[in-house]
PDB file of N, CA and C in Angstrom:
ATOM      1  N   MET A   1      -9.756 169.962-138.038  1.00  0.00           N
ATOM      2  CA  MET A   1      -8.435 170.079-138.592  1.00  0.00           C
ATOM      3  C   MET A   1      -8.496 170.956-139.835  1.00  0.00           C
ATOM      4  N   THR A   2      -7.648 171.934-139.909  1.00  0.00           N
ATOM      5  CA  THR A   2      -7.620 172.821-141.062  1.00  0.00           C
ATOM      6  C   THR A   2      -6.539 172.371-142.052  1.00  0.00           C
ATOM      7  N   THR A   3      -6.876 172.518-143.300  1.00  0.00           N
ATOM      8  CA  THR A   3      -5.935 172.193-144.364  1.00  0.00           C
ATOM      9  C   THR A   3      -5.191 173.460-144.729  1.00  0.00           C
ATOM     10  N   PRO A   4      -3.859 173.406-144.764  1.00  0.00           N
ATOM     11  CA  PRO A   4      -3.126 174.616-145.159  1.00  0.00           C
ATOM     12  C   PRO A   4      -3.454 174.975-146.606  1.00  0.00           C
ATOM     13  N   SER A   5      -3.583 176.255-146.865  1.00  0.00           N
ATOM     14  CA  SER A   5      -3.903 176.672-148.227  1.00  0.00           C
ATOM     15  C   SER A   5      -2.643 176.640-149.086  1.00  0.00           C
ATOM     16  N   LEU A   6      -2.826 176.239-150.302  1.00  0.00           N
ATOM     17  CA  LEU A   6      -1.720 176.190-151.252  1.00  0.00           C
ATOM     18  C   LEU A   6      -1.593 177.538-151.946  1.00  0.00           C
ATOM     19  N   PRO A   7      -0.389 177.860-152.392  1.00  0.00           N
ATOM     20  CA  PRO A   7      -0.213 179.138-153.093  1.00  0.00           C
ATOM     21  C   PRO A   7      -0.895 179.124-154.456  1.00  0.00           C
ATOM     22  N   ASP A   8      -1.065 180.288-154.998  1.00  0.00           N
ATOM     23  CA  ASP A   8      -1.715 180.462-156.291  1.00  0.00           C
ATOM     24  C   ASP A   8      -0.687 180.424-157.430  1.00  0.00           C
ATOM     25  N   THR A   9       0.424 179.743-157.212  1.00  0.00           N
ATOM     26  CA  THR A   9       1.477 179.689-158.235  1.00  0.00           C
ATOM     27  C   THR A   9       1.035 178.818-159.400  1.00  0.00           C
ATOM     28  N   PRO A  10       1.591 179.052-160.582  1.00  0.00           N
ATOM     29  CA  PRO A  10       1.189 178.282-161.757  1.00  0.00           C
ATOM     30  C   PRO A  10       1.669 176.828-161.670  1.00  0.00           C
ATOM     31  N   CYS A  11       0.876 175.946-162.271  1.00  0.00           N
ATOM     32  CA  CYS A  11       1.150 174.513-162.255  1.00  0.00           C
ATOM     33  C   CYS A  11       0.756 173.935-163.612  1.00  0.00           C
ATOM     34  N   TYR A  12       1.497 172.932-164.050  1.00  0.00           N
ATOM     35  CA  TYR A  12       1.148 172.197-165.274  1.00  0.00           C
ATOM     36  C   TYR A  12       0.912 170.756-164.870  1.00  0.00           C
ATOM     37  N   LEU A  13      -0.303 170.265-165.084  1.00  0.00           N
ATOM     38  CA  LEU A  13      -0.653 168.911-164.671  1.00  0.00           C
ATOM     39  C   LEU A  13      -1.540 168.269-165.725  1.00  0.00           C
ATOM     40  N   ASN A  14      -1.113 167.110-166.192  1.00  0.00           N
ATOM     41  CA  ASN A  14      -1.899 166.331-167.156  1.00  0.00           C
ATOM     42  C   ASN A  14      -2.313 167.148-168.380  1.00  0.00           C
ATOM     43  N   GLY A  15      -1.366 167.933-168.894  1.00  0.00           N
ATOM     44  CA  GLY A  15      -1.613 168.672-170.122  1.00  0.00           C
ATOM     45  C   GLY A  15      -2.320 169.997-169.964  1.00  0.00           C
ATOM     46  N   GLU A  16      -2.526 170.449-168.733  1.00  0.00           N
ATOM     47  CA  GLU A  16      -3.233 171.709-168.521  1.00  0.00           C
ATOM     48  C   GLU A  16      -2.483 172.608-167.542  1.00  0.00           C
ATOM     49  N   PHE A  17      -2.526 173.898-167.803  1.00  0.00           N
ATOM     50  CA  PHE A  17      -1.991 174.889-166.870  1.00  0.00           C
ATOM     51  C   PHE A  17      -3.116 175.279-165.924  1.00  0.00           C
ATOM     52  N   THR A  18      -2.809 175.312-164.639  1.00  0.00           N
ATOM     53  CA  THR A  18      -3.802 175.614-163.623  1.00  0.00           C
ATOM     54  C   THR A  18      -3.094 176.196-162.408  1.00  0.00           C
ATOM     55  N   PRO A  19      -3.786 176.927-161.555  1.00  0.00           N
ATOM     56  CA  PRO A  19      -3.161 177.331-160.291  1.00  0.00           C
ATOM     57  C   PRO A  19      -2.877 176.091-159.433  1.00  0.00           C
ATOM     58  N   LEU A  20      -1.772 176.087-158.724  1.00  0.00           N
ATOM     59  CA  LEU A  20      -1.394 174.947-157.891  1.00  0.00           C
ATOM     60  C   LEU A  20      -2.504 174.557-156.930  1.00  0.00           C
ATOM     61  N   LYS A  21      -3.193 175.532-156.386  1.00  0.00           N
ATOM     62  CA  LYS A  21      -4.249 175.246-155.411  1.00  0.00           C
ATOM     63  C   LYS A  21      -5.407 174.461-156.022  1.00  0.00           C
ATOM     64  N   ASP A  22      -5.541 174.471-157.349  1.00  0.00           N
ATOM     65  CA  ASP A  22      -6.626 173.753-158.025  1.00  0.00           C
ATOM     66  C   ASP A  22      -6.174 172.431-158.637  1.00  0.00           C
ATOM     67  N   ALA A  23      -4.894 172.103-158.574  1.00  0.00           N
ATOM     68  CA  ALA A  23      -4.371 170.890-159.198  1.00  0.00           C
ATOM     69  C   ALA A  23      -4.803 169.649-158.419  1.00  0.00           C
ATOM     70  N   LYS A  24      -5.214 168.614-159.144  1.00  0.00           N
ATOM     71  CA  LYS A  24      -5.661 167.368-158.519  1.00  0.00           C
ATOM     72  C   LYS A  24      -5.103 166.189-159.326  1.00  0.00           C
ATOM     73  N   ILE A  25      -4.663 165.147-158.597  1.00  0.00           N
ATOM     74  CA  ILE A  25      -4.259 163.912-159.258  1.00  0.00           C
ATOM     75  C   ILE A  25      -5.229 162.813-158.851  1.00  0.00           C
ATOM     76  N   SER A  26      -5.295 161.775-159.661  1.00  0.00           N
ATOM     77  CA  SER A  26      -6.151 160.639-159.369  1.00  0.00           C
ATOM     78  C   SER A  26      -5.592 159.841-158.190  1.00  0.00           C
ATOM     79  N   VAL A  27      -6.474 159.336-157.343  1.00  0.00           N
ATOM     80  CA  VAL A  27      -6.025 158.470-156.253  1.00  0.00           C
ATOM     81  C   VAL A  27      -5.543 157.132-156.791  1.00  0.00           C
ATOM     82  N   LEU A  28      -5.789 156.849-158.066  1.00  0.00           N
ATOM     83  CA  LEU A  28      -5.313 155.623-158.698  1.00  0.00           C
ATOM     84  C   LEU A  28      -3.996 155.823-159.430  1.00  0.00           C
ATOM     85  N   ASP A  29      -3.440 157.028-159.402  1.00  0.00           N
ATOM     86  CA  ASP A  29      -2.173 157.283-160.079  1.00  0.00           C
ATOM     87  C   ASP A  29      -1.078 156.414-159.452  1.00  0.00           C
ATOM     88  N   ARG A  30      -0.357 155.687-160.277  1.00  0.00           N
ATOM     89  CA  ARG A  30       0.674 154.770-159.780  1.00  0.00           C
ATOM     90  C   ARG A  30       1.812 155.506-159.081  1.00  0.00           C
ATOM     91  N   GLY A  31       2.057 156.753-159.464  1.00  0.00           N
ATOM     92  CA  GLY A  31       3.058 157.544-158.759  1.00  0.00           C
ATOM     93  C   GLY A  31       2.612 157.849-157.344  1.00  0.00           C
ATOM     94  N   PHE A  32       1.326 158.103-157.159  1.00  0.00           N
ATOM     95  CA  PHE A  32       0.756 158.382-155.838  1.00  0.00           C
ATOM     96  C   PHE A  32       0.711 157.127-154.979  1.00  0.00           C
ATOM     97  N   ILE A  33       0.254 156.020-155.561  1.00  0.00           N
ATOM     98  CA  ILE A  33       0.080 154.786-154.792  1.00  0.00           C
ATOM     99  C   ILE A  33       1.407 154.084-154.513  1.00  0.00           C
ATOM    100  N   PHE A  34       2.233 153.923-155.558  1.00  0.00           N
ATOM    101  CA  PHE A  34       3.426 153.083-155.452  1.00  0.00           C
ATOM    102  C   PHE A  34       4.744 153.838-155.575  1.00  0.00           C
ATOM    103  N   GLY A  35       4.699 155.134-155.828  1.00  0.00           N
ATOM    104  CA  GLY A  35       5.942 155.861-156.079  1.00  0.00           C
ATOM    105  C   GLY A  35       6.540 155.461-157.423  1.00  0.00           C
ATOM    106  N   ASP A  36       5.688 155.011-158.341  1.00  0.00           N
ATOM    107  CA  ASP A  36       6.108 154.508-159.646  1.00  0.00           C
ATOM    108  C   ASP A  36       6.223 155.676-160.621  1.00  0.00           C
ATOM    109  N   GLY A  37       7.339 156.371-160.561  1.00  0.00           N
ATOM    110  CA  GLY A  37       7.508 157.526-161.418  1.00  0.00           C
ATOM    111  C   GLY A  37       8.912 158.089-161.310  1.00  0.00           C
ATOM    112  N   VAL A  38       9.127 159.188-161.994  1.00  0.00           N
ATOM    113  CA  VAL A  38      10.428 159.858-162.054  1.00  0.00           C
ATOM    114  C   VAL A  38      10.231 161.310-161.632  1.00  0.00           C
ATOM    115  N   TYR A  39      11.173 161.808-160.863  1.00  0.00           N
ATOM    116  CA  TYR A  39      11.141 163.193-160.385  1.00  0.00           C
ATOM    117  C   TYR A  39      12.360 163.917-160.936  1.00  0.00           C
ATOM    118  N   GLU A  40      12.161 165.094-161.458  1.00  0.00           N
ATOM    119  CA  GLU A  40      13.258 165.907-161.996  1.00  0.00           C
ATOM    120  C   GLU A  40      12.977 167.366-161.661  1.00  0.00           C
ATOM    121  N   VAL A  41      14.024 168.123-161.397  1.00  0.00           N
ATOM    122  CA  VAL A  41      13.903 169.555-161.146  1.00  0.00           C
ATOM    123  C   VAL A  41      14.782 170.288-162.151  1.00  0.00           C
ATOM    124  N   VAL A  42      14.202 171.265-162.828  1.00  0.00           N
ATOM    125  CA  VAL A  42      14.957 172.123-163.737  1.00  0.00           C
ATOM    126  C   VAL A  42      14.933 173.529-163.138  1.00  0.00           C
ATOM    127  N   PRO A  43      16.056 173.977-162.585  1.00  0.00           N
ATOM    128  CA  PRO A  43      16.063 175.315-161.997  1.00  0.00           C
ATOM    129  C   PRO A  43      16.077 176.409-163.060  1.00  0.00           C
ATOM    130  N   ALA A  44      15.589 177.560-162.662  1.00  0.00           N
ATOM    131  CA  ALA A  44      15.644 178.747-163.516  1.00  0.00           C
ATOM    132  C   ALA A  44      16.231 179.880-162.686  1.00  0.00           C
ATOM    133  N   TYR A  45      17.183 180.562-163.265  1.00  0.00           N
ATOM    134  CA  TYR A  45      17.821 181.710-162.608  1.00  0.00           C
ATOM    135  C   TYR A  45      17.623 182.925-163.493  1.00  0.00           C
ATOM    136  N   GLY A  46      17.068 183.964-162.918  1.00  0.00           N
ATOM    137  CA  GLY A  46      16.814 185.173-163.697  1.00  0.00           C
ATOM    138  C   GLY A  46      15.913 184.928-164.890  1.00  0.00           C
ATOM    139  N   GLY A  47      15.018 183.968-164.759  1.00  0.00           N
ATOM    140  CA  GLY A  47      14.084 183.675-165.843  1.00  0.00           C
ATOM    141  C   GLY A  47      14.631 182.739-166.907  1.00  0.00           C
ATOM    142  N   ARG A  48      15.861 182.232-166.730  1.00  0.00           N
ATOM    143  CA  ARG A  48      16.475 181.348-167.736  1.00  0.00           C
ATOM    144  C   ARG A  48      16.653 179.944-167.157  1.00  0.00           C
ATOM    145  N   LEU A  49      16.308 178.944-167.965  1.00  0.00           N
ATOM    146  CA  LEU A  49      16.453 177.555-167.540  1.00  0.00           C
ATOM    147  C   LEU A  49      17.934 177.204-167.438  1.00  0.00           C
ATOM    148  N   PHE A  50      18.297 176.469-166.392  1.00  0.00           N
ATOM    149  CA  PHE A  50      19.687 176.113-166.135  1.00  0.00           C
ATOM    150  C   PHE A  50      19.955 174.675-166.576  1.00  0.00           C
ATOM    151  N   ARG A  51      20.908 174.506-167.494  1.00  0.00           N
ATOM    152  CA  ARG A  51      21.336 173.188-167.982  1.00  0.00           C
ATOM    153  C   ARG A  51      20.149 172.319-168.405  1.00  0.00           C
ATOM    154  N   PHE A  52      19.279 172.923-169.179  1.00  0.00           N
ATOM    155  CA  PHE A  52      18.051 172.244-169.584  1.00  0.00           C
ATOM    156  C   PHE A  52      18.336 170.922-170.301  1.00  0.00           C
ATOM    157  N   GLU A  53      19.269 170.918-171.243  1.00  0.00           N
ATOM    158  CA  GLU A  53      19.557 169.711-172.021  1.00  0.00           C
ATOM    159  C   GLU A  53      20.032 168.571-171.116  1.00  0.00           C
ATOM    160  N   GLN A  54      20.865 168.883-170.123  1.00  0.00           N
ATOM    161  CA  GLN A  54      21.353 167.850-169.210  1.00  0.00           C
ATOM    162  C   GLN A  54      20.210 167.285-168.349  1.00  0.00           C
ATOM    163  N   HIS A  55      19.320 168.170-167.905  1.00  0.00           N
ATOM    164  CA  HIS A  55      18.183 167.698-167.115  1.00  0.00           C
ATOM    165  C   HIS A  55      17.258 166.828-167.961  1.00  0.00           C
ATOM    166  N   MET A  56      17.066 167.204-169.216  1.00  0.00           N
ATOM    167  CA  MET A  56      16.218 166.405-170.102  1.00  0.00           C
ATOM    168  C   MET A  56      16.854 165.049-170.411  1.00  0.00           C
ATOM    169  N   ALA A  57      18.176 165.015-170.539  1.00  0.00           N
ATOM    170  CA  ALA A  57      18.862 163.742-170.776  1.00  0.00           C
ATOM    171  C   ALA A  57      18.672 162.816-169.574  1.00  0.00           C
ATOM    172  N   ARG A  58      18.792 163.355-168.359  1.00  0.00           N
ATOM    173  CA  ARG A  58      18.608 162.537-167.158  1.00  0.00           C
ATOM    174  C   ARG A  58      17.163 162.067-167.048  1.00  0.00           C
ATOM    175  N   LEU A  59      16.200 162.954-167.336  1.00  0.00           N
ATOM    176  CA  LEU A  59      14.793 162.563-167.301  1.00  0.00           C
ATOM    177  C   LEU A  59      14.542 161.425-168.290  1.00  0.00           C
ATOM    178  N   ALA A  60      15.056 161.564-169.500  1.00  0.00           N
ATOM    179  CA  ALA A  60      14.851 160.533-170.528  1.00  0.00           C
ATOM    180  C   ALA A  60      15.471 159.203-170.095  1.00  0.00           C
ATOM    181  N   ARG A  61      16.691 159.235-169.545  1.00  0.00           N
ATOM    182  CA  ARG A  61      17.340 158.002-169.064  1.00  0.00           C
ATOM    183  C   ARG A  61      16.522 157.346-167.963  1.00  0.00           C
ATOM    184  N   SER A  62      16.045 158.148-167.021  1.00  0.00           N
ATOM    185  CA  SER A  62      15.278 157.608-165.897  1.00  0.00           C
ATOM    186  C   SER A  62      13.966 156.996-166.367  1.00  0.00           C
ATOM    187  N   LEU A  63      13.257 157.681-167.257  1.00  0.00           N
ATOM    188  CA  LEU A  63      12.002 157.144-167.781  1.00  0.00           C
ATOM    189  C   LEU A  63      12.253 155.846-168.550  1.00  0.00           C
ATOM    190  N   THR A  64      13.323 155.806-169.329  1.00  0.00           N
ATOM    191  CA  THR A  64      13.667 154.601-170.081  1.00  0.00           C
ATOM    192  C   THR A  64      13.946 153.435-169.141  1.00  0.00           C
ATOM    193  N   GLU A  65      14.694 153.686-168.078  1.00  0.00           N
ATOM    194  CA  GLU A  65      15.014 152.624-167.115  1.00  0.00           C
ATOM    195  C   GLU A  65      13.758 152.042-166.476  1.00  0.00           C
ATOM    196  N   LEU A  66      12.766 152.882-166.226  1.00  0.00           N
ATOM    197  CA  LEU A  66      11.519 152.411-165.610  1.00  0.00           C
ATOM    198  C   LEU A  66      10.476 151.976-166.635  1.00  0.00           C
ATOM    199  N   ARG A  67      10.844 152.089-167.912  1.00  0.00           N
ATOM    200  CA  ARG A  67       9.944 151.731-169.018  1.00  0.00           C
ATOM    201  C   ARG A  67       8.640 152.527-168.965  1.00  0.00           C
ATOM    202  N   ILE A  68       8.783 153.807-168.657  1.00  0.00           N
ATOM    203  CA  ILE A  68       7.657 154.737-168.688  1.00  0.00           C
ATOM    204  C   ILE A  68       7.828 155.581-169.943  1.00  0.00           C
ATOM    205  N   PRO A  69       6.833 155.604-170.810  1.00  0.00           N
ATOM    206  CA  PRO A  69       6.955 156.438-172.015  1.00  0.00           C
ATOM    207  C   PRO A  69       7.087 157.916-171.651  1.00  0.00           C
ATOM    208  N   ASN A  70       7.974 158.610-172.344  1.00  0.00           N
ATOM    209  CA  ASN A  70       8.122 160.044-172.133  1.00  0.00           C
ATOM    210  C   ASN A  70       6.890 160.719-172.741  1.00  0.00           C
ATOM    211  N   PRO A  71       6.116 161.437-171.938  1.00  0.00           N
ATOM    212  CA  PRO A  71       4.862 161.997-172.446  1.00  0.00           C
ATOM    213  C   PRO A  71       5.035 163.181-173.394  1.00  0.00           C
ATOM    214  N   MET A  72       6.246 163.767-173.450  1.00  0.00           N
ATOM    215  CA  MET A  72       6.463 164.933-174.295  1.00  0.00           C
ATOM    216  C   MET A  72       7.849 164.883-174.925  1.00  0.00           C
ATOM    217  N   THR A  73       7.993 165.627-176.005  1.00  0.00           N
ATOM    218  CA  THR A  73       9.306 165.786-176.617  1.00  0.00           C
ATOM    219  C   THR A  73      10.095 166.812-175.806  1.00  0.00           C
ATOM    220  N   GLN A  74      11.387 166.899-176.079  1.00  0.00           N
ATOM    221  CA  GLN A  74      12.213 167.886-175.374  1.00  0.00           C
ATOM    222  C   GLN A  74      11.709 169.303-175.656  1.00  0.00           C
ATOM    223  N   ALA A  75      11.295 169.560-176.878  1.00  0.00           N
ATOM    224  CA  ALA A  75      10.774 170.888-177.225  1.00  0.00           C
ATOM    225  C   ALA A  75       9.481 171.191-176.457  1.00  0.00           C
ATOM    226  N   GLU A  76       8.642 170.169-176.281  1.00  0.00           N
ATOM    227  CA  GLU A  76       7.401 170.378-175.523  1.00  0.00           C
ATOM    228  C   GLU A  76       7.700 170.632-174.042  1.00  0.00           C
ATOM    229  N   TRP A  77       8.644 169.863-173.464  1.00  0.00           N
ATOM    230  CA  TRP A  77       9.050 170.113-172.081  1.00  0.00           C
ATOM    231  C   TRP A  77       9.563 171.537-171.928  1.00  0.00           C
ATOM    232  N   GLN A  78      10.382 171.973-172.890  1.00  0.00           N
ATOM    233  CA  GLN A  78      10.956 173.317-172.815  1.00  0.00           C
ATOM    234  C   GLN A  78       9.866 174.379-172.901  1.00  0.00           C
ATOM    235  N   ALA A  79       8.900 174.176-173.775  1.00  0.00           N
ATOM    236  CA  ALA A  79       7.804 175.143-173.904  1.00  0.00           C
ATOM    237  C   ALA A  79       7.013 175.245-172.604  1.00  0.00           C
ATOM    238  N   VAL A  80       6.747 174.106-171.961  1.00  0.00           N
ATOM    239  CA  VAL A  80       6.029 174.107-170.686  1.00  0.00           C
ATOM    240  C   VAL A  80       6.856 174.827-169.625  1.00  0.00           C
ATOM    241  N   ALA A  81       8.152 174.488-169.551  1.00  0.00           N
ATOM    242  CA  ALA A  81       9.019 175.107-168.545  1.00  0.00           C
ATOM    243  C   ALA A  81       9.089 176.620-168.727  1.00  0.00           C
ATOM    244  N   LEU A  82       9.254 177.059-169.956  1.00  0.00           N
ATOM    245  CA  LEU A  82       9.354 178.499-170.208  1.00  0.00           C
ATOM    246  C   LEU A  82       8.041 179.213-169.889  1.00  0.00           C
ATOM    247  N   LYS A  83       6.929 178.565-170.192  1.00  0.00           N
ATOM    248  CA  LYS A  83       5.630 179.170-169.871  1.00  0.00           C
ATOM    249  C   LYS A  83       5.445 179.265-168.348  1.00  0.00           C
ATOM    250  N   LEU A  84       5.885 178.220-167.608  1.00  0.00           N
ATOM    251  CA  LEU A  84       5.790 178.271-166.151  1.00  0.00           C
ATOM    252  C   LEU A  84       6.693 179.349-165.570  1.00  0.00           C
ATOM    253  N   VAL A  85       7.902 179.479-166.109  1.00  0.00           N
ATOM    254  CA  VAL A  85       8.821 180.518-165.643  1.00  0.00           C
ATOM    255  C   VAL A  85       8.207 181.897-165.873  1.00  0.00           C
ATOM    256  N   ALA A  86       7.649 182.112-167.058  1.00  0.00           N
ATOM    257  CA  ALA A  86       7.035 183.407-167.381  1.00  0.00           C
ATOM    258  C   ALA A  86       5.807 183.671-166.503  1.00  0.00           C
ATOM    259  N   ALA A  87       4.983 182.640-166.293  1.00  0.00           N
ATOM    260  CA  ALA A  87       3.785 182.814-165.470  1.00  0.00           C
ATOM    261  C   ALA A  87       4.155 183.106-164.022  1.00  0.00           C
ATOM    262  N   HIS A  88       5.205 182.434-163.540  1.00  0.00           N
ATOM    263  CA  HIS A  88       5.646 182.688-162.167  1.00  0.00           C
ATOM    264  C   HIS A  88       6.186 184.114-162.035  1.00  0.00           C
ATOM    265  N   ALA A  89       6.964 184.541-163.023  1.00  0.00           N
ATOM    266  CA  ALA A  89       7.501 185.903-163.005  1.00  0.00           C
ATOM    267  C   ALA A  89       6.365 186.929-163.026  1.00  0.00           C
ATOM    268  N   GLN A  90       5.351 186.650-163.826  1.00  0.00           N
ATOM    269  CA  GLN A  90       4.214 187.572-163.902  1.00  0.00           C
ATOM    270  C   GLN A  90       3.450 187.605-162.579  1.00  0.00           C
ATOM    271  N   SER A  91       3.280 186.447-161.941  1.00  0.00           N
ATOM    272  CA  SER A  91       2.506 186.426-160.696  1.00  0.00           C
ATOM    273  C   SER A  91       3.273 187.024-159.516  1.00  0.00           C
ATOM    274  N   THR A  92       4.613 186.994-159.579  1.00  0.00           N
ATOM    275  CA  THR A  92       5.408 187.533-158.473  1.00  0.00           C
ATOM    276  C   THR A  92       5.978 188.910-158.786  1.00  0.00           C
ATOM    277  N   GLY A  93       6.002 189.283-160.060  1.00  0.00           N
ATOM    278  CA  GLY A  93       6.522 190.581-160.453  1.00  0.00           C
ATOM    279  C   GLY A  93       7.995 190.599-160.807  1.00  0.00           C
ATOM    280  N   ALA A  94       8.663 189.459-160.698  1.00  0.00           N
ATOM    281  CA  ALA A  94      10.093 189.409-161.023  1.00  0.00           C
ATOM    282  C   ALA A  94      10.499 187.990-161.410  1.00  0.00           C
ATOM    283  N   PRO A  95      11.418 187.838-162.357  1.00  0.00           N
ATOM    284  CA  PRO A  95      11.893 186.491-162.726  1.00  0.00           C
ATOM    285  C   PRO A  95      12.892 185.969-161.694  1.00  0.00           C
ATOM    286  N   ALA A  96      12.377 185.576-160.561  1.00  0.00           N
ATOM    287  CA  ALA A  96      13.233 185.127-159.460  1.00  0.00           C
ATOM    288  C   ALA A  96      13.775 183.725-159.723  1.00  0.00           C
ATOM    289  N   GLU A  97      14.676 183.301-158.868  1.00  0.00           N
ATOM    290  CA  GLU A  97      15.158 181.933-158.932  1.00  0.00           C
ATOM    291  C   GLU A  97      14.006 181.004-158.598  1.00  0.00           C
ATOM    292  N   GLN A  98      13.910 179.932-159.333  1.00  0.00           N
ATOM    293  CA  GLN A  98      12.827 178.986-159.096  1.00  0.00           C
ATOM    294  C   GLN A  98      13.236 177.615-159.593  1.00  0.00           C
ATOM    295  N   GLY A  99      12.538 176.623-159.141  1.00  0.00           N
ATOM    296  CA  GLY A  99      12.757 175.262-159.607  1.00  0.00           C
ATOM    297  C   GLY A  99      11.484 174.726-160.207  1.00  0.00           C
ATOM    298  N   ASN A 100      11.576 174.223-161.431  1.00  0.00           N
ATOM    299  CA  ASN A 100      10.447 173.549-162.052  1.00  0.00           C
ATOM    300  C   ASN A 100      10.536 172.091-161.642  1.00  0.00           C
ATOM    301  N   SER A 101       9.648 171.653-160.772  1.00  0.00           N
ATOM    302  CA  SER A 101       9.654 170.276-160.281  1.00  0.00           C
ATOM    303  C   SER A 101       8.700 169.447-161.116  1.00  0.00           C
ATOM    304  N   TRP A 102       9.218 168.385-161.719  1.00  0.00           N
ATOM    305  CA  TRP A 102       8.408 167.536-162.586  1.00  0.00           C
ATOM    306  C   TRP A 102       8.354 166.136-162.030  1.00  0.00           C
ATOM    307  N   SER A 103       7.150 165.632-161.862  1.00  0.00           N
ATOM    308  CA  SER A 103       6.935 164.237-161.488  1.00  0.00           C
ATOM    309  C   SER A 103       6.207 163.580-162.645  1.00  0.00           C
ATOM    310  N   THR A 104       6.824 162.587-163.228  1.00  0.00           N
ATOM    311  CA  THR A 104       6.225 161.861-164.339  1.00  0.00           C
ATOM    312  C   THR A 104       5.977 160.446-163.879  1.00  0.00           C
ATOM    313  N   SER A 105       4.717 160.022-163.873  1.00  0.00           N
ATOM    314  CA  SER A 105       4.385 158.687-163.379  1.00  0.00           C
ATOM    315  C   SER A 105       3.849 157.826-164.516  1.00  0.00           C
ATOM    316  N   ARG A 106       3.584 156.582-164.169  1.00  0.00           N
ATOM    317  CA  ARG A 106       3.016 155.646-165.137  1.00  0.00           C
ATOM    318  C   ARG A 106       1.526 155.955-165.350  1.00  0.00           C
ATOM    319  N   SER A 107       0.983 156.890-164.611  1.00  0.00           N
ATOM    320  CA  SER A 107      -0.416 157.334-164.679  1.00  0.00           C
ATOM    321  C   SER A 107      -1.336 156.399-163.923  1.00  0.00           C
ATOM    322  N   ALA A 108      -2.607 156.692-164.006  1.00  0.00           N
ATOM    323  CA  ALA A 108      -3.604 155.892-163.299  1.00  0.00           C
ATOM    324  C   ALA A 108      -3.856 154.599-164.066  1.00  0.00           C
ATOM    325  N   ALA A 109      -3.855 153.508-163.345  1.00  0.00           N
ATOM    326  CA  ALA A 109      -4.132 152.207-163.948  1.00  0.00           C
ATOM    327  C   ALA A 109      -5.633 151.953-163.917  1.00  0.00           C
ATOM    328  N   ALA A 110      -6.106 151.105-164.831  1.00  0.00           N
ATOM    329  CA  ALA A 110      -7.523 150.764-164.855  1.00  0.00           C
ATOM    330  C   ALA A 110      -7.925 150.042-163.572  1.00  0.00           C
ATOM    331  N   SER A 111      -6.998 149.275-163.026  1.00  0.00           N
ATOM    332  CA  SER A 111      -7.240 148.638-161.739  1.00  0.00           C
ATOM    333  C   SER A 111      -5.947 148.703-160.944  1.00  0.00           C
ATOM    334  N   ARG A 112      -6.042 148.552-159.662  1.00  0.00           N
ATOM    335  CA  ARG A 112      -4.864 148.686-158.814  1.00  0.00           C
ATOM    336  C   ARG A 112      -3.880 147.546-159.027  1.00  0.00           C
ATOM    337  N   CYS A 113      -4.317 146.439-159.574  1.00  0.00           N
ATOM    338  CA  CYS A 113      -3.441 145.293-159.745  1.00  0.00           C
ATOM    339  C   CYS A 113      -2.947 145.169-161.182  1.00  0.00           C
ATOM    340  N   ALA A 114      -2.932 146.254-161.915  1.00  0.00           N
ATOM    341  CA  ALA A 114      -2.408 146.225-163.286  1.00  0.00           C
ATOM    342  C   ALA A 114      -0.920 145.893-163.252  1.00  0.00           C
ATOM    343  N   THR A 115      -0.486 145.139-164.229  1.00  0.00           N
ATOM    344  CA  THR A 115       0.925 144.773-164.288  1.00  0.00           C
ATOM    345  C   THR A 115       1.703 145.877-164.980  1.00  0.00           C
ATOM    346  N   THR A 116       2.997 145.897-164.754  1.00  0.00           N
ATOM    347  CA  THR A 116       3.864 146.874-165.389  1.00  0.00           C
ATOM    348  C   THR A 116       4.591 146.202-166.534  1.00  0.00           C
ATOM    349  N   PRO A 117       5.121 146.972-167.490  1.00  0.00           N
ATOM    350  CA  PRO A 117       5.813 146.374-168.628  1.00  0.00           C
ATOM    351  C   PRO A 117       7.024 145.522-168.228  1.00  0.00           C
ATOM    352  N   CYS A 118       7.633 145.800-167.093  1.00  0.00           N
ATOM    353  CA  CYS A 118       8.830 145.064-166.718  1.00  0.00           C
ATOM    354  C   CYS A 118       8.521 143.678-166.175  1.00  0.00           C
ATOM    355  N   CYS A 119       7.326 143.442-165.724  1.00  0.00           N
ATOM    356  CA  CYS A 119       7.021 142.140-165.124  1.00  0.00           C
ATOM    357  C   CYS A 119       5.576 141.723-165.400  1.00  0.00           C
ATOM    358  N   PRO A 120       5.159 141.637-166.691  1.00  0.00           N
ATOM    359  CA  PRO A 120       3.755 141.389-167.002  1.00  0.00           C
ATOM    360  C   PRO A 120       3.235 140.032-166.529  1.00  0.00           C
ATOM    361  N   ALA A 121       4.103 139.032-166.397  1.00  0.00           N
ATOM    362  CA  ALA A 121       3.617 137.714-166.010  1.00  0.00           C
ATOM    363  C   ALA A 121       3.979 137.351-164.582  1.00  0.00           C
ATOM    364  N   SER A 122       4.499 138.306-163.821  1.00  0.00           N
ATOM    365  CA  SER A 122       4.995 137.963-162.490  1.00  0.00           C
ATOM    366  C   SER A 122       3.919 137.918-161.430  1.00  0.00           C
ATOM    367  N   ARG A 123       2.729 138.374-161.742  1.00  0.00           N
ATOM    368  CA  ARG A 123       1.655 138.382-160.762  1.00  0.00           C
ATOM    369  C   ARG A 123       0.517 137.494-161.234  1.00  0.00           C
ATOM    370  N   PRO A 124      -0.207 136.883-160.276  1.00  0.00           N
ATOM    371  CA  PRO A 124      -1.386 136.129-160.675  1.00  0.00           C
ATOM    372  C   PRO A 124      -2.454 137.075-161.174  1.00  0.00           C
ATOM    373  N   PRO A 125      -3.398 136.595-161.975  1.00  0.00           N
ATOM    374  CA  PRO A 125      -4.465 137.480-162.471  1.00  0.00           C
ATOM    375  C   PRO A 125      -5.282 138.058-161.316  1.00  0.00           C
ATOM    376  N   CYS A 126      -5.800 139.245-161.534  1.00  0.00           N
ATOM    377  CA  CYS A 126      -6.639 139.897-160.520  1.00  0.00           C
ATOM    378  C   CYS A 126      -7.994 139.220-160.496  1.00  0.00           C
ATOM    379  N   SER A 127      -8.586 139.167-159.342  1.00  0.00           N
ATOM    380  CA  SER A 127      -9.921 138.563-159.253  1.00  0.00           C
ATOM    381  C   SER A 127     -10.970 139.615-159.054  1.00  0.00           C
TER     382      SER A 127
END
């Protein structure tokens, strides 16, 4: 069985910029295992972010509802988004329409049976 190759487009993962084909997440990441995370897309048209403040407000509300700490400030998110837009434009030769897809999870737990902030006493202790 052959694995389809991923494009060489820019990616930001866990604080680092890397080609998408080299990006790796932990198999213990709660977003991967349980879908415990938030997904947001910030489109860019002609190299400019579209309704960035509104997308950041929705991301912040969603993270708050799930009690996941926001890993970056709005200014940091914007800096990452703008760098990805510029890197994509450089790799393709034009600032085309694109979507910055962000998945923010609770991260990898020390063990698979770690409790979440919303229900710390709802599970029996792990053995």
